[in-house]
Amino acid sequence: MSSTINRPGQHVTRVNGEILVTVAPGAWAWPWGGLTTSAGFRLGIPLTRNGMLSTLNNDVRLMLGAQWIISFNPAEYWWITAPLALQWNFFLSPQWSVSVEAGLSVDVFVYDFLNCYEHPRLYCDRVFFHPVGGVGIRRHFGSSANGPGFPALEFRFSYPYGVSVGLSF
């Protein structure tokens, strides 16, 4: 396996999409606890071909997304979240890259059945803003003369979404 980390710009730079599924212990992110699962998508828009370190093979992307989250405690209910983050990618080889991301997300709670007076630990707002962040690793299956490309299988560990698996294309 040849290294591409010291070859700036040797990667495919284009808009990419990702479909993903997640699972998380909700207690570490949302105050009502329980298990949460979700499905969603991300859109990655390249902001730079060579990222903030000019001597390394890296790029920076604006990540826009939407997820549908289901929680099973205290009762089954769902909400929608829309993360916006900056993702910094490092291309290690034609097959592997790693990323770190940070940003902000908005949760939109659709249901009204959660009574804040009976469950004081619950958020009572319909819209809630919170930070997001995470680290990930991608296995690239497509490559070109420019280096790692798409499709790619991505594993991500993030707050507040937990562990996710996604397919980038």
N, C-alpha and C. Protein backbone atom coordinates (compact mmCIF):
# COMPACT_ATOMS: atom_id res chain seq x y z
N MET A 1 0.86 -1.17 0.00
CA MET A 1 0.00 0.00 0.00
C MET A 1 0.90 1.24 0.00
N SER A 2 0.75 2.06 -1.00
CA SER A 2 1.57 3.26 -1.10
C SER A 2 0.91 4.42 -0.35
N SER A 3 1.76 5.26 0.21
CA SER A 3 1.28 6.41 0.97
C SER A 3 1.07 7.61 0.04
N THR A 4 -0.02 8.33 0.26
CA THR A 4 -0.26 9.57 -0.50
C THR A 4 -0.35 10.78 0.42
N ILE A 5 -0.12 10.59 1.73
CA ILE A 5 -0.28 11.69 2.68
C ILE A 5 0.70 12.83 2.39
N ASN A 6 1.87 12.54 1.85
CA ASN A 6 2.87 13.58 1.58
C ASN A 6 2.81 14.08 0.14
N ARG A 7 1.71 13.83 -0.56
CA ARG A 7 1.52 14.30 -1.94
C ARG A 7 0.30 15.21 -2.00
N PRO A 8 0.46 16.48 -1.68
CA PRO A 8 -0.67 17.41 -1.65
C PRO A 8 -1.46 17.41 -2.95
N GLY A 9 -2.77 17.40 -2.82
CA GLY A 9 -3.65 17.49 -3.99
C GLY A 9 -3.89 16.19 -4.71
N GLN A 10 -3.29 15.09 -4.27
CA GLN A 10 -3.48 13.82 -4.97
C GLN A 10 -4.71 13.09 -4.42
N HIS A 11 -5.86 13.67 -4.71
CA HIS A 11 -7.15 13.09 -4.36
C HIS A 11 -8.21 13.71 -5.25
N VAL A 12 -9.34 13.04 -5.34
CA VAL A 12 -10.45 13.54 -6.15
C VAL A 12 -11.17 14.63 -5.37
N THR A 13 -11.34 15.79 -5.97
CA THR A 13 -12.04 16.90 -5.33
C THR A 13 -13.29 17.21 -6.13
N ARG A 14 -14.43 16.79 -5.62
CA ARG A 14 -15.72 17.06 -6.23
C ARG A 14 -16.78 16.97 -5.15
N VAL A 15 -17.96 17.45 -5.46
CA VAL A 15 -19.08 17.32 -4.53
C VAL A 15 -19.40 15.84 -4.38
N ASN A 16 -19.58 15.39 -3.14
CA ASN A 16 -19.94 14.00 -2.92
C ASN A 16 -21.16 13.90 -2.02
N GLY A 17 -21.88 12.82 -2.16
CA GLY A 17 -23.03 12.53 -1.32
C GLY A 17 -22.74 11.32 -0.47
N GLU A 18 -23.46 11.20 0.63
CA GLU A 18 -23.30 10.04 1.51
C GLU A 18 -24.65 9.69 2.10
N ILE A 19 -25.00 8.42 2.03
CA ILE A 19 -26.18 7.92 2.75
C ILE A 19 -25.66 7.16 3.96
N LEU A 20 -26.35 7.29 5.10
CA LEU A 20 -25.82 6.70 6.32
C LEU A 20 -26.92 6.22 7.25
N VAL A 21 -26.52 5.33 8.15
CA VAL A 21 -27.37 4.87 9.25
C VAL A 21 -26.54 5.00 10.53
N THR A 22 -27.20 5.27 11.64
CA THR A 22 -26.50 5.42 12.92
C THR A 22 -27.22 4.67 14.03
N VAL A 23 -26.48 4.41 15.08
CA VAL A 23 -27.05 3.89 16.32
C VAL A 23 -26.28 4.55 17.45
N ALA A 24 -26.99 4.95 18.51
CA ALA A 24 -26.34 5.65 19.62
C ALA A 24 -27.10 5.44 20.91
N PRO A 25 -26.35 5.39 22.01
CA PRO A 25 -27.02 5.45 23.32
C PRO A 25 -27.44 6.89 23.54
N GLY A 26 -28.72 7.16 23.50
CA GLY A 26 -29.23 8.53 23.59
C GLY A 26 -28.90 9.23 24.89
N ALA A 27 -28.55 8.49 25.93
CA ALA A 27 -28.28 9.11 27.23
C ALA A 27 -27.09 10.05 27.20
N TRP A 28 -26.19 9.88 26.30
CA TRP A 28 -25.01 10.75 26.28
C TRP A 28 -25.26 12.01 25.48
N ALA A 29 -26.35 12.07 24.72
CA ALA A 29 -26.62 13.25 23.90
C ALA A 29 -27.92 13.93 24.26
N TRP A 30 -28.96 13.17 24.49
CA TRP A 30 -30.27 13.74 24.78
C TRP A 30 -30.66 13.31 26.19
N PRO A 31 -31.25 14.19 26.99
CA PRO A 31 -31.43 13.94 28.41
C PRO A 31 -32.39 12.81 28.76
N TRP A 32 -33.21 12.37 27.83
CA TRP A 32 -34.16 11.32 28.17
C TRP A 32 -33.57 9.94 28.01
N GLY A 33 -32.37 9.82 27.48
CA GLY A 33 -31.70 8.53 27.41
C GLY A 33 -32.30 7.59 26.39
N GLY A 34 -31.98 6.34 26.56
CA GLY A 34 -32.50 5.32 25.65
C GLY A 34 -31.66 5.19 24.39
N LEU A 35 -32.03 4.26 23.57
CA LEU A 35 -31.34 3.98 22.32
C LEU A 35 -31.94 4.81 21.19
N THR A 36 -31.09 5.39 20.37
CA THR A 36 -31.58 6.10 19.19
C THR A 36 -30.96 5.46 17.94
N THR A 37 -31.72 5.45 16.87
CA THR A 37 -31.23 5.02 15.56
C THR A 37 -31.64 6.09 14.56
N SER A 38 -30.94 6.15 13.45
CA SER A 38 -31.30 7.16 12.46
C SER A 38 -30.84 6.73 11.07
N ALA A 39 -31.40 7.40 10.10
CA ALA A 39 -30.99 7.26 8.70
C ALA A 39 -30.96 8.67 8.13
N GLY A 40 -30.02 8.90 7.22
CA GLY A 40 -29.92 10.24 6.66
C GLY A 40 -28.96 10.32 5.51
N PHE A 41 -28.63 11.55 5.15
CA PHE A 41 -27.69 11.79 4.06
C PHE A 41 -26.83 13.00 4.40
N ARG A 42 -25.68 13.07 3.75
CA ARG A 42 -24.79 14.22 3.84
C ARG A 42 -24.37 14.61 2.43
N LEU A 43 -24.15 15.88 2.26
CA LEU A 43 -23.63 16.42 1.01
C LEU A 43 -22.33 17.13 1.35
N GLY A 44 -21.22 16.73 0.71
CA GLY A 44 -19.91 17.33 0.98
C GLY A 44 -19.50 18.25 -0.16
N ILE A 45 -19.33 19.52 0.15
CA ILE A 45 -18.95 20.53 -0.85
C ILE A 45 -17.51 20.94 -0.58
N PRO A 46 -16.59 20.64 -1.52
CA PRO A 46 -15.19 21.00 -1.27
C PRO A 46 -14.99 22.51 -1.21
N LEU A 47 -14.29 22.96 -0.19
CA LEU A 47 -13.95 24.38 -0.05
C LEU A 47 -12.51 24.63 -0.48
N THR A 48 -11.66 23.61 -0.34
CA THR A 48 -10.26 23.71 -0.76
C THR A 48 -9.83 22.40 -1.41
N ARG A 49 -8.91 22.47 -2.35
CA ARG A 49 -8.32 21.25 -2.90
C ARG A 49 -7.21 20.78 -1.96
N ASN A 50 -6.40 21.70 -1.54
CA ASN A 50 -5.38 21.41 -0.53
C ASN A 50 -5.79 22.18 0.72
N GLY A 51 -5.93 21.44 1.81
CA GLY A 51 -6.45 22.03 3.04
C GLY A 51 -5.49 22.98 3.71
N MET A 52 -5.62 23.07 5.01
CA MET A 52 -4.89 24.06 5.79
C MET A 52 -3.42 23.72 5.98
N LEU A 53 -3.03 22.48 5.69
CA LEU A 53 -1.62 22.09 5.78
C LEU A 53 -1.13 21.84 4.36
N SER A 54 -0.38 22.76 3.82
CA SER A 54 0.01 22.72 2.41
C SER A 54 0.96 21.58 2.07
N THR A 55 1.62 20.98 3.05
CA THR A 55 2.56 19.90 2.76
C THR A 55 1.92 18.51 2.84
N LEU A 56 0.64 18.45 3.21
CA LEU A 56 -0.06 17.16 3.33
C LEU A 56 -1.19 17.06 2.32
N ASN A 57 -1.59 15.84 2.01
CA ASN A 57 -2.69 15.56 1.09
C ASN A 57 -4.00 15.65 1.90
N ASN A 58 -4.63 16.82 1.87
CA ASN A 58 -5.82 17.05 2.68
C ASN A 58 -6.75 18.02 1.98
N ASP A 59 -8.01 18.02 2.37
CA ASP A 59 -8.96 19.01 1.88
C ASP A 59 -9.95 19.35 2.97
N VAL A 60 -10.69 20.43 2.77
CA VAL A 60 -11.72 20.88 3.71
C VAL A 60 -13.03 20.93 2.95
N ARG A 61 -14.09 20.39 3.57
CA ARG A 61 -15.41 20.34 2.95
C ARG A 61 -16.47 20.92 3.89
N LEU A 62 -17.47 21.54 3.29
CA LEU A 62 -18.66 21.95 4.02
C LEU A 62 -19.63 20.79 3.92
N MET A 63 -20.05 20.26 5.06
CA MET A 63 -20.95 19.11 5.10
C MET A 63 -22.35 19.58 5.51
N LEU A 64 -23.31 19.36 4.64
CA LEU A 64 -24.72 19.66 4.90
C LEU A 64 -25.46 18.34 4.97
N GLY A 65 -26.43 18.22 5.86
CA GLY A 65 -27.12 16.95 5.95
C GLY A 65 -28.49 17.04 6.58
N ALA A 66 -29.13 15.89 6.62
CA ALA A 66 -30.43 15.73 7.28
C ALA A 66 -30.53 14.28 7.76
N GLN A 67 -31.08 14.11 8.95
CA GLN A 67 -31.28 12.77 9.50
C GLN A 67 -32.65 12.69 10.16
N TRP A 68 -33.20 11.51 10.07
CA TRP A 68 -34.45 11.18 10.73
C TRP A 68 -34.08 10.26 11.89
N ILE A 69 -34.30 10.72 13.12
CA ILE A 69 -33.86 9.98 14.31
C ILE A 69 -35.08 9.41 15.03
N ILE A 70 -34.95 8.17 15.47
CA ILE A 70 -36.01 7.50 16.24
C ILE A 70 -35.44 7.13 17.60
N SER A 71 -36.16 7.46 18.67
CA SER A 71 -35.77 7.09 20.02
C SER A 71 -36.82 6.13 20.58
N PHE A 72 -36.37 5.21 21.43
CA PHE A 72 -37.29 4.20 21.96
C PHE A 72 -37.52 4.34 23.45
N ASN A 73 -37.15 5.47 24.04
CA ASN A 73 -37.33 5.65 25.47
C ASN A 73 -37.54 7.14 25.74
N PRO A 74 -38.45 7.63 26.48
CA PRO A 74 -39.40 6.89 27.29
C PRO A 74 -40.55 6.29 26.48
N ALA A 75 -40.78 6.79 25.31
CA ALA A 75 -41.74 6.19 24.39
C ALA A 75 -41.14 6.32 22.99
N GLU A 76 -41.65 5.55 22.08
CA GLU A 76 -41.12 5.66 20.71
C GLU A 76 -41.57 6.99 20.11
N TYR A 77 -40.62 7.78 19.64
CA TYR A 77 -40.92 9.03 18.96
C TYR A 77 -39.75 9.37 18.05
N TRP A 78 -39.93 10.36 17.22
CA TRP A 78 -38.91 10.70 16.24
C TRP A 78 -38.80 12.20 16.06
N TRP A 79 -37.67 12.61 15.48
CA TRP A 79 -37.46 14.01 15.15
C TRP A 79 -36.48 14.08 13.98
N ILE A 80 -36.32 15.29 13.47
CA ILE A 80 -35.44 15.51 12.32
C ILE A 80 -34.30 16.43 12.77
N THR A 81 -33.11 16.15 12.31
CA THR A 81 -31.96 16.98 12.63
C THR A 81 -31.23 17.36 11.34
N ALA A 82 -30.66 18.55 11.31
CA ALA A 82 -29.95 19.03 10.13
C ALA A 82 -28.58 19.56 10.55
N PRO A 83 -27.52 18.73 10.41
CA PRO A 83 -26.18 19.19 10.77
C PRO A 83 -25.51 20.00 9.66
N LEU A 84 -24.69 20.95 10.08
CA LEU A 84 -23.85 21.76 9.19
C LEU A 84 -22.47 21.76 9.83
N ALA A 85 -21.48 21.23 9.12
CA ALA A 85 -20.15 21.08 9.72
C ALA A 85 -19.05 21.31 8.70
N LEU A 86 -17.87 21.64 9.21
CA LEU A 86 -16.66 21.64 8.39
C LEU A 86 -15.96 20.32 8.62
N GLN A 87 -15.59 19.66 7.53
CA GLN A 87 -14.91 18.37 7.61
C GLN A 87 -13.52 18.52 7.00
N TRP A 88 -12.52 18.10 7.76
CA TRP A 88 -11.13 18.16 7.32
C TRP A 88 -10.68 16.73 7.05
N ASN A 89 -10.35 16.43 5.78
CA ASN A 89 -9.97 15.09 5.35
C ASN A 89 -8.47 15.00 5.12
N PHE A 90 -7.89 13.86 5.52
CA PHE A 90 -6.48 13.55 5.27
C PHE A 90 -6.43 12.25 4.49
N PHE A 91 -5.83 12.29 3.31
CA PHE A 91 -5.78 11.13 2.42
C PHE A 91 -4.47 10.40 2.64
N LEU A 92 -4.56 9.24 3.30
CA LEU A 92 -3.38 8.49 3.72
C LEU A 92 -2.80 7.63 2.61
N SER A 93 -3.65 7.04 1.79
CA SER A 93 -3.24 6.16 0.70
C SER A 93 -4.35 6.16 -0.35
N PRO A 94 -4.16 5.49 -1.47
CA PRO A 94 -5.25 5.43 -2.45
C PRO A 94 -6.52 4.76 -1.92
N GLN A 95 -6.40 3.98 -0.85
CA GLN A 95 -7.55 3.27 -0.29
C GLN A 95 -8.11 3.87 0.99
N TRP A 96 -7.34 4.66 1.73
CA TRP A 96 -7.76 5.08 3.06
C TRP A 96 -7.64 6.59 3.26
N SER A 97 -8.63 7.16 3.96
CA SER A 97 -8.56 8.54 4.41
C SER A 97 -9.22 8.64 5.78
N VAL A 98 -8.84 9.67 6.53
CA VAL A 98 -9.44 9.92 7.85
C VAL A 98 -9.97 11.35 7.86
N SER A 99 -10.93 11.61 8.75
CA SER A 99 -11.52 12.95 8.80
C SER A 99 -11.83 13.35 10.23
N VAL A 100 -11.92 14.64 10.42
CA VAL A 100 -12.38 15.23 11.68
C VAL A 100 -13.36 16.34 11.30
N GLU A 101 -14.44 16.47 12.05
CA GLU A 101 -15.43 17.49 11.70
C GLU A 101 -16.00 18.15 12.94
N ALA A 102 -16.44 19.40 12.76
CA ALA A 102 -17.07 20.15 13.85
C ALA A 102 -18.07 21.12 13.24
N GLY A 103 -19.17 21.35 13.96
CA GLY A 103 -20.18 22.27 13.45
C GLY A 103 -21.34 22.44 14.39
N LEU A 104 -22.50 22.71 13.81
CA LEU A 104 -23.73 23.00 14.55
C LEU A 104 -24.87 22.23 13.89
N SER A 105 -25.83 21.84 14.71
CA SER A 105 -26.99 21.13 14.19
C SER A 105 -28.26 21.72 14.81
N VAL A 106 -29.34 21.59 14.09
CA VAL A 106 -30.64 22.00 14.61
C VAL A 106 -31.54 20.76 14.62
N ASP A 107 -32.16 20.50 15.76
CA ASP A 107 -33.13 19.42 15.89
C ASP A 107 -34.52 20.03 15.84
N VAL A 108 -35.40 19.42 15.07
CA VAL A 108 -36.79 19.86 14.98
C VAL A 108 -37.66 18.72 15.48
N PHE A 109 -38.30 18.94 16.61
CA PHE A 109 -39.16 17.93 17.21
C PHE A 109 -40.57 18.11 16.66
N VAL A 110 -41.09 17.04 16.10
CA VAL A 110 -42.35 17.11 15.38
C VAL A 110 -43.53 16.82 16.30
N TYR A 111 -43.30 16.03 17.34
CA TYR A 111 -44.39 15.60 18.20
C TYR A 111 -44.68 16.60 19.30
N ASP A 112 -45.91 16.59 19.77
CA ASP A 112 -46.34 17.40 20.90
C ASP A 112 -46.69 16.54 22.11
N PHE A 113 -46.62 15.20 21.97
CA PHE A 113 -47.14 14.36 23.04
C PHE A 113 -46.22 14.29 24.25
N LEU A 114 -44.97 14.76 24.16
CA LEU A 114 -44.09 14.74 25.32
C LEU A 114 -44.44 15.90 26.23
N ASN A 115 -44.96 15.58 27.40
CA ASN A 115 -45.41 16.60 28.34
C ASN A 115 -44.25 17.01 29.23
N CYS A 116 -43.82 18.26 29.13
CA CYS A 116 -42.67 18.74 29.89
C CYS A 116 -42.94 18.78 31.39
N TYR A 117 -44.20 18.87 31.79
CA TYR A 117 -44.52 18.92 33.21
C TYR A 117 -44.44 17.54 33.85
N GLU A 118 -44.76 16.52 33.09
CA GLU A 118 -44.67 15.15 33.61
C GLU A 118 -43.25 14.60 33.48
N HIS A 119 -42.49 15.11 32.53
CA HIS A 119 -41.13 14.64 32.27
C HIS A 119 -40.19 15.85 32.28
N PRO A 120 -39.82 16.37 33.45
CA PRO A 120 -39.04 17.62 33.51
C PRO A 120 -37.66 17.51 32.89
N ARG A 121 -37.13 16.30 32.68
CA ARG A 121 -35.81 16.16 32.08
C ARG A 121 -35.85 16.37 30.56
N LEU A 122 -37.01 16.41 29.97
CA LEU A 122 -37.12 16.53 28.53
C LEU A 122 -36.99 17.97 28.07
N TYR A 123 -36.48 18.14 26.86
CA TYR A 123 -36.49 19.47 26.26
C TYR A 123 -37.92 19.82 25.90
N CYS A 124 -38.32 21.04 26.16
CA CYS A 124 -39.68 21.45 25.88
C CYS A 124 -39.76 22.28 24.61
N ASP A 125 -38.62 22.59 24.03
CA ASP A 125 -38.62 23.38 22.81
C ASP A 125 -38.83 22.49 21.59
N ARG A 126 -39.48 23.03 20.57
CA ARG A 126 -39.65 22.31 19.31
C ARG A 126 -38.38 22.34 18.47
N VAL A 127 -37.58 23.38 18.65
CA VAL A 127 -36.34 23.54 17.89
C VAL A 127 -35.20 23.67 18.89
N PHE A 128 -34.14 22.92 18.66
CA PHE A 128 -33.03 22.90 19.60
C PHE A 128 -31.71 22.91 18.82
N PHE A 129 -30.80 23.82 19.13
CA PHE A 129 -29.49 23.90 18.49
C PHE A 129 -28.44 23.27 19.40
N HIS A 130 -27.49 22.56 18.82
CA HIS A 130 -26.42 21.96 19.60
C HIS A 130 -25.18 21.75 18.74
N PRO A 131 -24.01 21.61 19.37
CA PRO A 131 -22.78 21.37 18.61
C PRO A 131 -22.74 19.94 18.10
N VAL A 132 -22.01 19.75 17.01
CA VAL A 132 -21.74 18.41 16.48
C VAL A 132 -20.24 18.30 16.24
N GLY A 133 -19.75 17.10 16.32
CA GLY A 133 -18.34 16.85 16.06
C GLY A 133 -18.10 15.37 15.89
N GLY A 134 -17.02 15.02 15.24
CA GLY A 134 -16.75 13.61 15.06
C GLY A 134 -15.44 13.33 14.35
N VAL A 135 -15.10 12.05 14.33
CA VAL A 135 -13.95 11.55 13.60
C VAL A 135 -14.41 10.38 12.75
N GLY A 136 -13.76 10.19 11.61
CA GLY A 136 -14.17 9.11 10.72
C GLY A 136 -13.01 8.53 9.95
N ILE A 137 -13.26 7.37 9.37
CA ILE A 137 -12.29 6.72 8.49
C ILE A 137 -13.05 6.20 7.27
N ARG A 138 -12.45 6.36 6.10
CA ARG A 138 -13.07 5.92 4.84
C ARG A 138 -12.20 4.89 4.15
N ARG A 139 -12.85 3.87 3.61
CA ARG A 139 -12.20 2.89 2.72
C ARG A 139 -12.66 3.23 1.31
N HIS A 140 -11.75 3.75 0.49
CA HIS A 140 -12.07 4.15 -0.89
C HIS A 140 -11.97 2.94 -1.81
N PHE A 141 -13.00 2.74 -2.61
CA PHE A 141 -13.00 1.65 -3.59
C PHE A 141 -12.72 2.18 -4.99
N GLY A 142 -12.92 3.46 -5.18
CA GLY A 142 -12.63 4.08 -6.47
C GLY A 142 -11.40 4.95 -6.34
N SER A 143 -10.59 4.95 -7.36
CA SER A 143 -9.44 5.85 -7.37
C SER A 143 -9.15 6.22 -8.82
N SER A 144 -8.36 7.23 -8.98
CA SER A 144 -8.00 7.69 -10.32
C SER A 144 -6.54 8.11 -10.28
N ALA A 145 -6.07 8.68 -11.36
CA ALA A 145 -4.70 9.19 -11.39
C ALA A 145 -4.50 10.26 -10.33
N ASN A 146 -5.60 10.90 -9.90
CA ASN A 146 -5.53 11.94 -8.87
C ASN A 146 -5.50 11.38 -7.46
N GLY A 147 -5.64 10.05 -7.29
CA GLY A 147 -5.60 9.46 -5.96
C GLY A 147 -6.96 8.96 -5.52
N PRO A 148 -7.20 8.91 -4.18
CA PRO A 148 -8.44 8.35 -3.65
C PRO A 148 -9.68 9.03 -4.22
N GLY A 149 -10.68 8.23 -4.53
CA GLY A 149 -11.93 8.76 -5.07
C GLY A 149 -13.13 8.06 -4.46
N PHE A 150 -14.20 8.03 -5.18
CA PHE A 150 -15.44 7.46 -4.69
C PHE A 150 -15.88 6.35 -5.63
N PRO A 151 -16.62 5.37 -5.19
CA PRO A 151 -17.33 5.25 -3.91
C PRO A 151 -16.40 4.90 -2.76
N ALA A 152 -16.90 5.13 -1.55
CA ALA A 152 -16.14 4.83 -0.34
C ALA A 152 -17.10 4.42 0.77
N LEU A 153 -16.63 3.55 1.63
CA LEU A 153 -17.39 3.14 2.81
C LEU A 153 -16.83 3.92 3.99
N GLU A 154 -17.72 4.60 4.74
CA GLU A 154 -17.25 5.46 5.83
C GLU A 154 -17.80 4.97 7.17
N PHE A 155 -16.90 4.97 8.18
CA PHE A 155 -17.27 4.71 9.57
C PHE A 155 -16.98 5.99 10.33
N ARG A 156 -17.97 6.45 11.12
CA ARG A 156 -17.83 7.72 11.82
C ARG A 156 -18.31 7.54 13.26
N PHE A 157 -17.58 8.17 14.18
CA PHE A 157 -18.00 8.25 15.57
C PHE A 157 -18.18 9.72 15.87
N SER A 158 -19.40 10.10 16.25
CA SER A 158 -19.67 11.53 16.39
C SER A 158 -20.60 11.81 17.57
N TYR A 159 -20.54 13.06 18.00
CA TYR A 159 -21.48 13.56 19.00
C TYR A 159 -22.47 14.47 18.27
N PRO A 160 -23.73 14.32 18.43
CA PRO A 160 -24.43 13.42 19.34
C PRO A 160 -24.94 12.15 18.68
N TYR A 161 -24.52 11.88 17.44
CA TYR A 161 -25.17 10.83 16.64
C TYR A 161 -24.64 9.43 16.89
N GLY A 162 -23.53 9.27 17.58
CA GLY A 162 -23.02 7.95 17.89
C GLY A 162 -22.20 7.37 16.76
N VAL A 163 -22.37 6.09 16.51
CA VAL A 163 -21.63 5.37 15.49
C VAL A 163 -22.45 5.33 14.21
N SER A 164 -21.82 5.71 13.09
CA SER A 164 -22.54 5.65 11.82
C SER A 164 -21.72 4.92 10.78
N VAL A 165 -22.42 4.32 9.84
CA VAL A 165 -21.83 3.66 8.68
C VAL A 165 -22.49 4.29 7.48
N GLY A 166 -21.69 4.70 6.50
CA GLY A 166 -22.25 5.35 5.33
C GLY A 166 -21.54 4.96 4.06
N LEU A 167 -22.21 5.17 2.95
CA LEU A 167 -21.65 4.93 1.63
C LEU A 167 -21.55 6.28 0.92
N SER A 168 -20.32 6.70 0.60
CA SER A 168 -20.09 7.95 -0.12
C SER A 168 -20.02 7.65 -1.61
N PHE A 169 -20.60 8.53 -2.39
CA PHE A 169 -20.56 8.34 -3.85
C PHE A 169 -20.35 9.66 -4.54
